[in-house]
Amino acid sequence: MADWEKNWRGSGIGAVLFFIVAYVIYGSQPKVGASPEQLVSFYDGDRTRIFIASVILGFAILNLLWFGAALTSVLRDAGKAGWGTAATTASAVLGGALFLHITLSAALAYSIAGSGSPELTSALNDISWVLMTLALFPAAMLIMSGSFGLWRAGLISTGPFVAGVAAMVVLLIGTTTWASDGFWSPSGAYARLITAIVFLAWVTVVSGFLTRSYSPQSTSGRAAVPAA
């Protein structure tokens, strides 16, 4: 029989794998202010690839929500229900933002980009980038709730806690990337790559920790790890 609680704890790793595969298939989305030719070439010319990536991203979001639920369960079992509620809220808002991003991309590929309305296509493309920048707020909140909650519960030591706080700061800095173009724009390297790498690395590490600390013999489904 499948051990569902252990699977939920490891779903963060599954989410990361789905995100990476979807990113590779999706390709390089046109940046903010891209020309109409670039937009049509990407959304209309590569529509099948975008549809496939959208489905995979959907599975990534599902796994991310399961990860958030598993983290919440662990924190509540450890007596940190407040941090658990924060994790649930953050993962839900983040999942909603990512789902809206998928919806915009799929709609552009399905009909909008090829309808001969470059102004609308350009506006929706820019909105999708802005949405991903704003999504860094709930992503940072998820890191904060997980890092502080696990630390306050005595399940992680000070080192991993500090690393989590540093990851949260990296994402919060990413919310200031409002330059019109270049490295510090919503489609620049910092917001597009650096914050994504940091967030996915944190999810991978925490999901792995939750999976390793799971004890099926325990009535709470967890094994305490003393703080250093």
N, C-alpha and C. Protein backbone atom coordinates (compact mmCIF):
# COMPACT_ATOMS: atom_id res chain seq x y z
N MET A 1 0.85 -1.19 0.00
CA MET A 1 0.00 0.00 0.00
C MET A 1 0.89 1.24 0.00
N ALA A 2 0.52 2.22 -0.78
CA ALA A 2 1.32 3.43 -0.88
C ALA A 2 1.26 4.22 0.43
N ASP A 3 2.39 4.76 0.84
CA ASP A 3 2.46 5.59 2.03
C ASP A 3 2.25 7.03 1.58
N TRP A 4 1.01 7.50 1.62
CA TRP A 4 0.66 8.79 1.03
C TRP A 4 1.33 9.95 1.76
N GLU A 5 1.44 9.88 3.07
CA GLU A 5 2.04 11.01 3.79
C GLU A 5 3.51 11.18 3.39
N LYS A 6 4.22 10.07 3.23
CA LYS A 6 5.61 10.16 2.79
C LYS A 6 5.69 10.70 1.37
N ASN A 7 4.75 10.28 0.53
CA ASN A 7 4.72 10.79 -0.85
C ASN A 7 4.46 12.29 -0.88
N TRP A 8 3.56 12.77 -0.01
CA TRP A 8 3.28 14.20 0.05
C TRP A 8 4.52 14.98 0.49
N ARG A 9 5.24 14.44 1.44
CA ARG A 9 6.45 15.12 1.90
C ARG A 9 7.49 15.21 0.78
N GLY A 10 7.54 14.20 -0.07
CA GLY A 10 8.51 14.21 -1.16
C GLY A 10 8.00 14.90 -2.41
N SER A 11 6.76 15.43 -2.37
CA SER A 11 6.19 16.04 -3.57
C SER A 11 6.90 17.34 -3.95
N GLY A 12 7.60 17.95 -3.02
CA GLY A 12 8.38 19.14 -3.36
C GLY A 12 9.46 18.82 -4.39
N ILE A 13 10.09 17.66 -4.23
CA ILE A 13 11.10 17.24 -5.20
C ILE A 13 10.44 16.97 -6.55
N GLY A 14 9.26 16.36 -6.52
CA GLY A 14 8.52 16.14 -7.76
C GLY A 14 8.18 17.45 -8.44
N ALA A 15 7.78 18.45 -7.64
CA ALA A 15 7.45 19.76 -8.21
C ALA A 15 8.65 20.37 -8.91
N VAL A 16 9.82 20.27 -8.28
CA VAL A 16 11.04 20.82 -8.88
C VAL A 16 11.34 20.14 -10.21
N LEU A 17 11.22 18.82 -10.25
CA LEU A 17 11.49 18.08 -11.49
C LEU A 17 10.51 18.49 -12.59
N PHE A 18 9.24 18.63 -12.25
CA PHE A 18 8.25 19.05 -13.24
C PHE A 18 8.54 20.48 -13.73
N PHE A 19 8.92 21.35 -12.82
CA PHE A 19 9.23 22.73 -13.20
C PHE A 19 10.40 22.78 -14.18
N ILE A 20 11.42 21.99 -13.91
CA ILE A 20 12.60 21.99 -14.77
C ILE A 20 12.26 21.45 -16.16
N VAL A 21 11.53 20.34 -16.21
CA VAL A 21 11.14 19.77 -17.50
C VAL A 21 10.27 20.75 -18.28
N ALA A 22 9.31 21.37 -17.60
CA ALA A 22 8.43 22.33 -18.26
C ALA A 22 9.22 23.53 -18.78
N TYR A 23 10.19 23.99 -18.01
CA TYR A 23 11.00 25.13 -18.43
C TYR A 23 11.79 24.81 -19.70
N VAL A 24 12.35 23.62 -19.75
CA VAL A 24 13.12 23.21 -20.93
C VAL A 24 12.22 23.14 -22.15
N ILE A 25 11.03 22.56 -21.99
CA ILE A 25 10.11 22.43 -23.12
C ILE A 25 9.53 23.78 -23.53
N TYR A 26 9.19 24.59 -22.54
CA TYR A 26 8.55 25.89 -22.80
C TYR A 26 9.45 26.82 -23.62
N GLY A 27 10.73 26.81 -23.32
CA GLY A 27 11.65 27.66 -24.06
C GLY A 27 11.76 29.05 -23.45
N SER A 28 12.38 29.95 -24.19
CA SER A 28 12.65 31.30 -23.69
C SER A 28 11.53 32.24 -24.10
N GLN A 29 10.69 32.59 -23.15
CA GLN A 29 9.58 33.51 -23.42
C GLN A 29 10.10 34.88 -23.79
N PRO A 30 9.49 35.55 -24.77
CA PRO A 30 9.93 36.90 -25.15
C PRO A 30 9.93 37.83 -23.95
N LYS A 31 10.93 38.68 -23.87
CA LYS A 31 11.08 39.55 -22.72
C LYS A 31 10.11 40.72 -22.79
N VAL A 32 10.10 41.51 -21.72
CA VAL A 32 9.23 42.68 -21.67
C VAL A 32 9.58 43.63 -22.81
N GLY A 33 8.55 44.08 -23.53
CA GLY A 33 8.76 45.00 -24.64
C GLY A 33 9.23 44.34 -25.92
N ALA A 34 9.09 43.02 -26.04
CA ALA A 34 9.53 42.32 -27.25
C ALA A 34 8.72 42.79 -28.46
N SER A 35 9.30 42.64 -29.63
CA SER A 35 8.64 43.07 -30.86
C SER A 35 7.47 42.15 -31.20
N PRO A 36 6.48 42.65 -31.98
CA PRO A 36 5.36 41.80 -32.38
C PRO A 36 5.81 40.54 -33.12
N GLU A 37 6.86 40.65 -33.91
CA GLU A 37 7.36 39.49 -34.65
C GLU A 37 7.85 38.41 -33.69
N GLN A 38 8.58 38.82 -32.65
CA GLN A 38 9.09 37.86 -31.67
C GLN A 38 7.94 37.19 -30.92
N LEU A 39 6.93 37.95 -30.58
CA LEU A 39 5.79 37.41 -29.84
C LEU A 39 5.02 36.39 -30.66
N VAL A 40 4.74 36.74 -31.92
CA VAL A 40 4.00 35.82 -32.77
C VAL A 40 4.82 34.57 -33.05
N SER A 41 6.12 34.74 -33.26
CA SER A 41 6.99 33.59 -33.53
C SER A 41 6.99 32.62 -32.36
N PHE A 42 7.00 33.15 -31.15
CA PHE A 42 7.06 32.29 -29.97
C PHE A 42 5.70 31.66 -29.67
N TYR A 43 4.68 32.49 -29.49
CA TYR A 43 3.39 31.99 -29.05
C TYR A 43 2.63 31.24 -30.13
N ASP A 44 2.64 31.75 -31.35
CA ASP A 44 1.90 31.11 -32.43
C ASP A 44 2.74 30.03 -33.12
N GLY A 45 4.03 30.30 -33.28
CA GLY A 45 4.89 29.35 -33.97
C GLY A 45 5.22 28.12 -33.15
N ASP A 46 5.28 28.28 -31.81
CA ASP A 46 5.64 27.16 -30.93
C ASP A 46 4.47 26.77 -30.03
N ARG A 47 3.25 26.89 -30.53
CA ARG A 47 2.08 26.69 -29.69
C ARG A 47 1.98 25.29 -29.12
N THR A 48 2.34 24.27 -29.91
CA THR A 48 2.26 22.89 -29.40
C THR A 48 3.21 22.69 -28.23
N ARG A 49 4.40 23.23 -28.35
CA ARG A 49 5.37 23.12 -27.26
C ARG A 49 4.87 23.83 -26.01
N ILE A 50 4.23 24.96 -26.19
CA ILE A 50 3.70 25.71 -25.04
C ILE A 50 2.56 24.94 -24.38
N PHE A 51 1.71 24.30 -25.16
CA PHE A 51 0.61 23.52 -24.59
C PHE A 51 1.15 22.35 -23.76
N ILE A 52 2.15 21.68 -24.29
CA ILE A 52 2.75 20.55 -23.56
C ILE A 52 3.36 21.03 -22.25
N ALA A 53 4.09 22.14 -22.32
CA ALA A 53 4.72 22.69 -21.12
C ALA A 53 3.67 23.13 -20.11
N SER A 54 2.53 23.65 -20.59
CA SER A 54 1.47 24.09 -19.68
C SER A 54 0.91 22.93 -18.86
N VAL A 55 0.73 21.78 -19.51
CA VAL A 55 0.24 20.60 -18.79
C VAL A 55 1.24 20.16 -17.72
N ILE A 56 2.51 20.14 -18.10
CA ILE A 56 3.55 19.73 -17.14
C ILE A 56 3.64 20.73 -15.99
N LEU A 57 3.50 22.02 -16.29
CA LEU A 57 3.50 23.03 -15.23
C LEU A 57 2.31 22.84 -14.30
N GLY A 58 1.18 22.38 -14.85
CA GLY A 58 0.04 22.08 -14.00
C GLY A 58 0.36 21.01 -12.98
N PHE A 59 1.05 19.95 -13.40
CA PHE A 59 1.46 18.91 -12.47
C PHE A 59 2.48 19.45 -11.46
N ALA A 60 3.33 20.37 -11.89
CA ALA A 60 4.29 20.98 -10.97
C ALA A 60 3.57 21.75 -9.87
N ILE A 61 2.53 22.49 -10.26
CA ILE A 61 1.76 23.25 -9.27
C ILE A 61 1.05 22.31 -8.29
N LEU A 62 0.47 21.23 -8.80
CA LEU A 62 -0.18 20.26 -7.92
C LEU A 62 0.80 19.71 -6.89
N ASN A 63 1.98 19.35 -7.33
CA ASN A 63 2.99 18.83 -6.40
C ASN A 63 3.44 19.89 -5.40
N LEU A 64 3.51 21.15 -5.86
CA LEU A 64 3.89 22.23 -4.95
C LEU A 64 2.84 22.42 -3.86
N LEU A 65 1.57 22.32 -4.23
CA LEU A 65 0.49 22.45 -3.24
C LEU A 65 0.51 21.28 -2.26
N TRP A 66 0.78 20.08 -2.76
CA TRP A 66 0.91 18.93 -1.85
C TRP A 66 2.08 19.11 -0.88
N PHE A 67 3.17 19.67 -1.40
CA PHE A 67 4.32 19.95 -0.54
C PHE A 67 3.94 20.94 0.55
N GLY A 68 3.21 22.00 0.17
CA GLY A 68 2.78 22.98 1.16
C GLY A 68 1.88 22.35 2.21
N ALA A 69 1.00 21.44 1.80
CA ALA A 69 0.12 20.76 2.75
C ALA A 69 0.92 19.87 3.70
N ALA A 70 1.93 19.17 3.17
CA ALA A 70 2.77 18.31 4.02
C ALA A 70 3.56 19.13 5.03
N LEU A 71 4.09 20.27 4.57
CA LEU A 71 4.83 21.15 5.48
C LEU A 71 3.91 21.67 6.57
N THR A 72 2.70 22.03 6.21
CA THR A 72 1.73 22.51 7.19
C THR A 72 1.43 21.43 8.22
N SER A 73 1.26 20.19 7.77
CA SER A 73 0.97 19.08 8.68
C SER A 73 2.09 18.88 9.68
N VAL A 74 3.33 18.94 9.20
CA VAL A 74 4.48 18.76 10.10
C VAL A 74 4.53 19.87 11.14
N LEU A 75 4.31 21.10 10.71
CA LEU A 75 4.37 22.23 11.63
C LEU A 75 3.25 22.17 12.67
N ARG A 76 2.07 21.76 12.25
CA ARG A 76 0.97 21.62 13.21
C ARG A 76 1.24 20.52 14.21
N ASP A 77 1.78 19.39 13.74
CA ASP A 77 2.13 18.29 14.65
C ASP A 77 3.19 18.73 15.66
N ALA A 78 4.03 19.69 15.25
CA ALA A 78 5.09 20.17 16.13
C ALA A 78 4.63 21.31 17.02
N GLY A 79 3.36 21.65 16.95
CA GLY A 79 2.83 22.71 17.81
C GLY A 79 3.01 24.10 17.26
N LYS A 80 3.27 24.22 15.96
CA LYS A 80 3.46 25.52 15.32
C LYS A 80 2.39 25.74 14.25
N ALA A 81 1.13 25.72 14.71
CA ALA A 81 0.01 25.82 13.78
C ALA A 81 -0.01 27.15 13.04
N GLY A 82 0.44 28.21 13.71
CA GLY A 82 0.45 29.52 13.07
C GLY A 82 1.34 29.55 11.84
N TRP A 83 2.54 29.01 11.98
CA TRP A 83 3.46 28.93 10.84
C TRP A 83 2.91 27.96 9.79
N GLY A 84 2.21 26.92 10.23
CA GLY A 84 1.60 25.99 9.28
C GLY A 84 0.52 26.66 8.45
N THR A 85 -0.29 27.49 9.09
CA THR A 85 -1.33 28.22 8.36
C THR A 85 -0.70 29.18 7.35
N ALA A 86 0.40 29.80 7.75
CA ALA A 86 1.10 30.70 6.83
C ALA A 86 1.63 29.94 5.62
N ALA A 87 2.13 28.73 5.85
CA ALA A 87 2.63 27.92 4.74
C ALA A 87 1.50 27.54 3.78
N THR A 88 0.33 27.19 4.33
CA THR A 88 -0.82 26.86 3.49
C THR A 88 -1.24 28.05 2.65
N THR A 89 -1.34 29.21 3.28
CA THR A 89 -1.74 30.42 2.57
C THR A 89 -0.74 30.78 1.48
N ALA A 90 0.55 30.73 1.81
CA ALA A 90 1.58 31.09 0.84
C ALA A 90 1.59 30.16 -0.36
N SER A 91 1.49 28.85 -0.11
CA SER A 91 1.51 27.90 -1.22
C SER A 91 0.28 28.05 -2.10
N ALA A 92 -0.87 28.36 -1.49
CA ALA A 92 -2.10 28.54 -2.27
C ALA A 92 -2.02 29.78 -3.15
N VAL A 93 -1.54 30.89 -2.59
CA VAL A 93 -1.41 32.13 -3.37
C VAL A 93 -0.38 31.95 -4.48
N LEU A 94 0.74 31.32 -4.15
CA LEU A 94 1.77 31.08 -5.16
C LEU A 94 1.24 30.18 -6.27
N GLY A 95 0.52 29.12 -5.88
CA GLY A 95 -0.06 28.24 -6.89
C GLY A 95 -1.04 28.97 -7.79
N GLY A 96 -1.84 29.87 -7.20
CA GLY A 96 -2.78 30.65 -7.99
C GLY A 96 -2.08 31.57 -8.98
N ALA A 97 -1.00 32.20 -8.54
CA ALA A 97 -0.25 33.09 -9.43
C ALA A 97 0.38 32.31 -10.58
N LEU A 98 0.93 31.15 -10.28
CA LEU A 98 1.54 30.32 -11.32
C LEU A 98 0.48 29.81 -12.30
N PHE A 99 -0.70 29.46 -11.77
CA PHE A 99 -1.77 28.99 -12.64
C PHE A 99 -2.25 30.09 -13.58
N LEU A 100 -2.32 31.32 -13.07
CA LEU A 100 -2.70 32.45 -13.92
C LEU A 100 -1.66 32.69 -15.00
N HIS A 101 -0.39 32.51 -14.64
CA HIS A 101 0.68 32.65 -15.63
C HIS A 101 0.52 31.61 -16.74
N ILE A 102 0.22 30.38 -16.36
CA ILE A 102 -0.02 29.32 -17.36
C ILE A 102 -1.20 29.69 -18.25
N THR A 103 -2.26 30.19 -17.63
CA THR A 103 -3.46 30.55 -18.38
C THR A 103 -3.16 31.62 -19.43
N LEU A 104 -2.40 32.63 -19.06
CA LEU A 104 -2.05 33.68 -20.01
C LEU A 104 -1.23 33.12 -21.17
N SER A 105 -0.25 32.29 -20.87
CA SER A 105 0.61 31.73 -21.91
C SER A 105 -0.20 30.83 -22.85
N ALA A 106 -1.06 29.99 -22.27
CA ALA A 106 -1.86 29.08 -23.09
C ALA A 106 -2.85 29.85 -23.96
N ALA A 107 -3.45 30.90 -23.40
CA ALA A 107 -4.40 31.70 -24.17
C ALA A 107 -3.70 32.42 -25.32
N LEU A 108 -2.51 32.94 -25.08
CA LEU A 108 -1.75 33.59 -26.13
C LEU A 108 -1.41 32.60 -27.24
N ALA A 109 -1.01 31.40 -26.86
CA ALA A 109 -0.64 30.40 -27.85
C ALA A 109 -1.86 29.86 -28.58
N TYR A 110 -2.98 29.77 -27.88
CA TYR A 110 -4.18 29.17 -28.47
C TYR A 110 -4.77 30.03 -29.59
N SER A 111 -4.90 31.33 -29.33
CA SER A 111 -5.54 32.15 -30.36
C SER A 111 -5.12 33.62 -30.38
N ILE A 112 -4.77 34.17 -29.22
CA ILE A 112 -4.58 35.62 -29.14
C ILE A 112 -3.40 36.09 -29.97
N ALA A 113 -2.25 35.40 -29.86
CA ALA A 113 -1.05 35.85 -30.58
C ALA A 113 -1.25 35.82 -32.09
N GLY A 114 -2.05 34.87 -32.59
CA GLY A 114 -2.25 34.76 -34.03
C GLY A 114 -3.46 35.51 -34.55
N SER A 115 -4.09 36.31 -33.67
CA SER A 115 -5.32 37.01 -34.07
C SER A 115 -5.06 38.33 -34.76
N GLY A 116 -3.79 38.73 -34.84
CA GLY A 116 -3.46 40.00 -35.48
C GLY A 116 -3.65 41.20 -34.58
N SER A 117 -3.53 41.02 -33.26
CA SER A 117 -3.64 42.12 -32.31
C SER A 117 -2.35 42.24 -31.53
N PRO A 118 -1.31 42.89 -32.11
CA PRO A 118 -0.01 42.96 -31.45
C PRO A 118 -0.05 43.70 -30.12
N GLU A 119 -0.92 44.72 -29.99
CA GLU A 119 -0.99 45.47 -28.73
C GLU A 119 -1.45 44.59 -27.58
N LEU A 120 -2.51 43.80 -27.83
CA LEU A 120 -3.02 42.90 -26.80
C LEU A 120 -2.00 41.82 -26.47
N THR A 121 -1.37 41.26 -27.48
CA THR A 121 -0.36 40.21 -27.26
C THR A 121 0.79 40.74 -26.43
N SER A 122 1.27 41.94 -26.76
CA SER A 122 2.37 42.53 -26.02
C SER A 122 1.98 42.82 -24.58
N ALA A 123 0.76 43.33 -24.38
CA ALA A 123 0.30 43.65 -23.02
C ALA A 123 0.21 42.40 -22.16
N LEU A 124 -0.36 41.33 -22.70
CA LEU A 124 -0.51 40.09 -21.93
C LEU A 124 0.84 39.45 -21.64
N ASN A 125 1.76 39.55 -22.57
CA ASN A 125 3.11 39.02 -22.35
C ASN A 125 3.79 39.77 -21.21
N ASP A 126 3.66 41.10 -21.21
CA ASP A 126 4.25 41.90 -20.14
C ASP A 126 3.59 41.60 -18.80
N ILE A 127 2.26 41.41 -18.82
CA ILE A 127 1.54 41.09 -17.58
C ILE A 127 2.04 39.77 -16.99
N SER A 128 2.32 38.81 -17.84
CA SER A 128 2.79 37.51 -17.34
C SER A 128 4.14 37.66 -16.63
N TRP A 129 5.00 38.54 -17.15
CA TRP A 129 6.29 38.77 -16.49
C TRP A 129 6.09 39.49 -15.15
N VAL A 130 5.22 40.50 -15.14
CA VAL A 130 4.94 41.22 -13.90
C VAL A 130 4.35 40.28 -12.86
N LEU A 131 3.48 39.39 -13.31
CA LEU A 131 2.86 38.43 -12.40
C LEU A 131 3.91 37.54 -11.74
N MET A 132 4.89 37.10 -12.51
CA MET A 132 5.93 36.24 -11.94
C MET A 132 6.79 37.00 -10.93
N THR A 133 6.99 38.30 -11.16
CA THR A 133 7.73 39.10 -10.19
C THR A 133 6.95 39.23 -8.89
N LEU A 134 5.66 39.52 -8.98
CA LEU A 134 4.82 39.64 -7.79
C LEU A 134 4.66 38.30 -7.07
N ALA A 135 4.76 37.19 -7.81
CA ALA A 135 4.65 35.86 -7.20
C ALA A 135 5.80 35.57 -6.25
N LEU A 136 6.86 36.38 -6.31
CA LEU A 136 7.98 36.19 -5.39
C LEU A 136 7.58 36.50 -3.94
N PHE A 137 6.53 37.32 -3.76
CA PHE A 137 6.08 37.60 -2.39
C PHE A 137 5.54 36.34 -1.70
N PRO A 138 4.57 35.62 -2.26
CA PRO A 138 4.13 34.38 -1.60
C PRO A 138 5.21 33.31 -1.56
N ALA A 139 6.11 33.29 -2.56
CA ALA A 139 7.21 32.32 -2.53
C ALA A 139 8.12 32.60 -1.35
N ALA A 140 8.40 33.89 -1.10
CA ALA A 140 9.23 34.26 0.05
C ALA A 140 8.51 33.93 1.36
N MET A 141 7.19 34.10 1.38
CA MET A 141 6.41 33.78 2.58
C MET A 141 6.44 32.28 2.86
N LEU A 142 6.41 31.46 1.81
CA LEU A 142 6.49 30.02 2.00
C LEU A 142 7.83 29.63 2.61
N ILE A 143 8.91 30.23 2.11
CA ILE A 143 10.24 29.97 2.67
C ILE A 143 10.30 30.43 4.12
N MET A 144 9.75 31.60 4.39
CA MET A 144 9.78 32.14 5.75
C MET A 144 9.01 31.25 6.72
N SER A 145 7.80 30.85 6.35
CA SER A 145 6.99 30.02 7.25
C SER A 145 7.65 28.67 7.49
N GLY A 146 8.22 28.08 6.43
CA GLY A 146 8.88 26.80 6.60
C GLY A 146 10.14 26.89 7.45
N SER A 147 10.97 27.88 7.15
CA SER A 147 12.25 28.03 7.86
C SER A 147 12.04 28.39 9.32
N PHE A 148 11.22 29.42 9.58
CA PHE A 148 10.97 29.83 10.96
C PHE A 148 10.21 28.76 11.73
N GLY A 149 9.20 28.15 11.08
CA GLY A 149 8.41 27.15 11.78
C GLY A 149 9.21 25.93 12.17
N LEU A 150 9.99 25.39 11.24
CA LEU A 150 10.81 24.22 11.55
C LEU A 150 11.87 24.53 12.59
N TRP A 151 12.43 25.73 12.54
CA TRP A 151 13.46 26.13 13.50
C TRP A 151 12.86 26.31 14.89
N ARG A 152 11.74 27.02 14.97
CA ARG A 152 11.10 27.24 16.26
C ARG A 152 10.61 25.94 16.88
N ALA A 153 10.30 24.97 16.04
CA ALA A 153 9.85 23.66 16.54
C ALA A 153 11.02 22.78 16.95
N GLY A 154 12.24 23.22 16.68
CA GLY A 154 13.41 22.43 17.03
C GLY A 154 13.70 21.30 16.06
N LEU A 155 13.13 21.38 14.84
CA LEU A 155 13.32 20.32 13.86
C LEU A 155 14.53 20.55 12.97
N ILE A 156 15.00 21.79 12.89
CA ILE A 156 16.23 22.08 12.14
C ILE A 156 17.13 22.93 13.02
N SER A 157 18.40 22.90 12.71
CA SER A 157 19.37 23.66 13.49
C SER A 157 19.49 25.08 12.94
N THR A 158 20.37 25.87 13.55
CA THR A 158 20.52 27.28 13.18
C THR A 158 21.05 27.44 11.76
N GLY A 159 21.96 26.56 11.33
CA GLY A 159 22.54 26.67 9.99
C GLY A 159 21.50 26.63 8.88
N PRO A 160 20.68 25.58 8.82
CA PRO A 160 19.63 25.54 7.80
C PRO A 160 18.64 26.69 7.92
N PHE A 161 18.38 27.13 9.16
CA PHE A 161 17.48 28.26 9.35
C PHE A 161 18.04 29.52 8.72
N VAL A 162 19.33 29.79 8.95
CA VAL A 162 19.96 30.98 8.37
C VAL A 162 19.96 30.89 6.85
N ALA A 163 20.21 29.70 6.31
CA ALA A 163 20.17 29.52 4.86
C ALA A 163 18.78 29.82 4.32
N GLY A 164 17.74 29.40 5.06
CA GLY A 164 16.38 29.68 4.64
C GLY A 164 16.08 31.17 4.66
N VAL A 165 16.55 31.86 5.69
CA VAL A 165 16.34 33.31 5.76
C VAL A 165 17.05 34.01 4.60
N ALA A 166 18.26 33.55 4.28
CA ALA A 166 19.00 34.13 3.15
C ALA A 166 18.23 33.92 1.85
N ALA A 167 17.65 32.73 1.68
CA ALA A 167 16.86 32.45 0.47
C ALA A 167 15.64 33.37 0.41
N MET A 168 15.01 33.59 1.55
CA MET A 168 13.86 34.49 1.59
C MET A 168 14.25 35.91 1.18
N VAL A 169 15.39 36.38 1.65
CA VAL A 169 15.87 37.72 1.31
C VAL A 169 16.14 37.84 -0.19
N VAL A 170 16.74 36.80 -0.78
CA VAL A 170 17.01 36.81 -2.22
C VAL A 170 15.72 37.00 -3.00
N LEU A 171 14.66 36.30 -2.59
CA LEU A 171 13.39 36.42 -3.30
C LEU A 171 12.74 37.78 -3.08
N LEU A 172 12.83 38.31 -1.86
CA LEU A 172 12.25 39.62 -1.60
C LEU A 172 12.97 40.72 -2.39
N ILE A 173 14.27 40.58 -2.54
CA ILE A 173 15.01 41.53 -3.37
C ILE A 173 14.51 41.45 -4.81
N GLY A 174 14.15 40.25 -5.24
CA GLY A 174 13.66 40.08 -6.61
C GLY A 174 12.37 40.84 -6.89
N THR A 175 11.61 41.19 -5.83
CA THR A 175 10.37 41.95 -6.04
C THR A 175 10.64 43.40 -6.42
N THR A 176 11.90 43.83 -6.40
CA THR A 176 12.25 45.21 -6.76
C THR A 176 12.78 45.32 -8.19
N THR A 177 12.70 44.24 -8.95
CA THR A 177 13.27 44.23 -10.30
C THR A 177 12.30 44.85 -11.31
N TRP A 178 12.26 46.18 -11.31
CA TRP A 178 11.30 46.89 -12.15
C TRP A 178 11.96 47.76 -13.21
N ALA A 179 13.20 47.47 -13.58
CA ALA A 179 13.83 48.22 -14.67
C ALA A 179 13.12 47.89 -15.98
N SER A 180 13.21 48.81 -16.94
CA SER A 180 12.51 48.60 -18.21
C SER A 180 13.14 47.49 -19.03
N ASP A 181 14.43 47.25 -18.85
CA ASP A 181 15.09 46.14 -19.54
C ASP A 181 16.39 45.80 -18.81
N GLY A 182 17.05 44.74 -19.26
CA GLY A 182 18.32 44.36 -18.67
C GLY A 182 18.21 43.44 -17.47
N PHE A 183 19.30 43.34 -16.73
CA PHE A 183 19.43 42.40 -15.61
C PHE A 183 18.36 42.60 -14.55
N TRP A 184 17.96 43.86 -14.30
CA TRP A 184 17.05 44.16 -13.19
C TRP A 184 15.62 44.38 -13.66
N SER A 185 15.26 43.86 -14.81
CA SER A 185 13.88 43.96 -15.29
C SER A 185 13.12 42.70 -14.86
N PRO A 186 11.78 42.70 -14.94
CA PRO A 186 11.03 41.49 -14.59
C PRO A 186 11.43 40.26 -15.41
N SER A 187 11.91 40.49 -16.63
CA SER A 187 12.36 39.37 -17.47
C SER A 187 13.88 39.23 -17.47
N GLY A 188 14.54 39.94 -16.56
CA GLY A 188 16.00 39.88 -16.48
C GLY A 188 16.49 38.65 -15.75
N ALA A 189 17.81 38.50 -15.71
CA ALA A 189 18.41 37.28 -15.16
C ALA A 189 18.13 37.09 -13.67
N TYR A 190 18.07 38.21 -12.90
CA TYR A 190 17.87 38.06 -11.46
C TYR A 190 16.48 37.49 -11.16
N ALA A 191 15.44 38.14 -11.68
CA ALA A 191 14.07 37.69 -11.40
C ALA A 191 13.75 36.38 -12.10
N ARG A 192 14.33 36.17 -13.28
CA ARG A 192 13.96 35.01 -14.09
C ARG A 192 14.73 33.76 -13.70
N LEU A 193 16.00 33.90 -13.32
CA LEU A 193 16.83 32.74 -13.06
C LEU A 193 17.27 32.60 -11.61
N ILE A 194 17.87 33.65 -11.06
CA ILE A 194 18.47 33.55 -9.73
C ILE A 194 17.42 33.23 -8.67
N THR A 195 16.31 33.97 -8.68
CA THR A 195 15.28 33.70 -7.68
C THR A 195 14.67 32.31 -7.86
N ALA A 196 14.50 31.89 -9.12
CA ALA A 196 13.92 30.57 -9.38
C ALA A 196 14.84 29.46 -8.87
N ILE A 197 16.13 29.60 -9.11
CA ILE A 197 17.10 28.59 -8.67
C ILE A 197 17.11 28.50 -7.14
N VAL A 198 17.11 29.64 -6.48
CA VAL A 198 17.14 29.67 -5.01
C VAL A 198 15.87 29.03 -4.45
N PHE A 199 14.72 29.39 -5.00
CA PHE A 199 13.45 28.84 -4.50
C PHE A 199 13.37 27.34 -4.71
N LEU A 200 13.72 26.88 -5.89
CA LEU A 200 13.64 25.45 -6.18
C LEU A 200 14.64 24.66 -5.34
N ALA A 201 15.81 25.26 -5.07
CA ALA A 201 16.79 24.60 -4.22
C ALA A 201 16.25 24.45 -2.80
N TRP A 202 15.60 25.50 -2.30
CA TRP A 202 15.02 25.43 -0.94
C TRP A 202 13.94 24.36 -0.87
N VAL A 203 13.05 24.33 -1.84
CA VAL A 203 11.98 23.33 -1.86
C VAL A 203 12.57 21.92 -1.90
N THR A 204 13.61 21.72 -2.70
CA THR A 204 14.23 20.40 -2.80
C THR A 204 14.81 19.95 -1.47
N VAL A 205 15.54 20.86 -0.81
CA VAL A 205 16.18 20.52 0.46
C VAL A 205 15.15 20.24 1.54
N VAL A 206 14.13 21.09 1.64
CA VAL A 206 13.12 20.90 2.69
C VAL A 206 12.28 19.66 2.43
N SER A 207 11.92 19.43 1.18
CA SER A 207 11.15 18.24 0.85
C SER A 207 11.95 16.98 1.16
N GLY A 208 13.23 17.00 0.85
CA GLY A 208 14.08 15.86 1.18
C GLY A 208 14.19 15.65 2.68
N PHE A 209 14.30 16.76 3.43
CA PHE A 209 14.37 16.66 4.89
C PHE A 209 13.08 16.07 5.46
N LEU A 210 11.93 16.55 4.97
CA LEU A 210 10.65 16.04 5.47
C LEU A 210 10.50 14.55 5.17
N THR A 211 10.97 14.13 4.01
CA THR A 211 10.88 12.71 3.64
C THR A 211 11.77 11.86 4.52
N ARG A 212 13.00 12.32 4.75
CA ARG A 212 13.95 11.55 5.58
C ARG A 212 13.50 11.48 7.03
N SER A 213 12.86 12.54 7.52
CA SER A 213 12.48 12.57 8.94
C SER A 213 11.16 11.86 9.21
N TYR A 214 10.51 11.38 8.15
CA TYR A 214 9.22 10.71 8.34
C TYR A 214 9.41 9.35 9.00
N SER A 215 8.60 9.10 10.01
CA SER A 215 8.63 7.82 10.71
C SER A 215 7.23 7.24 10.74
N PRO A 216 6.95 6.16 9.97
CA PRO A 216 5.59 5.59 9.95
C PRO A 216 5.17 5.02 11.29
N GLN A 217 6.13 4.72 12.17
CA GLN A 217 5.77 4.19 13.48
C GLN A 217 5.29 5.27 14.42
N SER A 218 5.64 6.55 14.06
CA SER A 218 5.27 7.65 14.94
C SER A 218 3.82 8.05 14.72
N THR A 219 3.10 8.31 15.79
CA THR A 219 1.70 8.69 15.64
C THR A 219 1.56 10.04 14.96
N SER A 220 2.59 10.88 15.03
CA SER A 220 2.53 12.19 14.39
C SER A 220 3.14 12.15 13.00
N GLY A 221 3.75 11.03 12.63
CA GLY A 221 4.33 10.92 11.30
C GLY A 221 5.59 11.69 11.12
N ARG A 222 6.31 12.00 12.26
CA ARG A 222 7.55 12.75 12.11
C ARG A 222 8.55 12.28 13.15
N ALA A 223 9.78 12.56 12.85
CA ALA A 223 10.85 12.26 13.79
C ALA A 223 11.52 13.56 14.17
N ALA A 224 11.61 13.85 15.45
CA ALA A 224 12.19 15.12 15.88
C ALA A 224 13.69 15.14 15.61
N VAL A 225 14.16 16.29 15.18
CA VAL A 225 15.59 16.50 14.96
C VAL A 225 16.02 17.62 15.85
N PRO A 226 16.86 17.40 16.84
CA PRO A 226 17.20 18.43 17.81
C PRO A 226 17.95 19.57 17.17
N ALA A 227 17.71 20.76 17.64
CA ALA A 227 18.43 21.95 17.16
C ALA A 227 19.82 21.95 17.74
N ALA A 228 20.74 22.55 16.94
CA ALA A 228 22.13 22.60 17.41
C ALA A 228 22.28 23.67 18.49
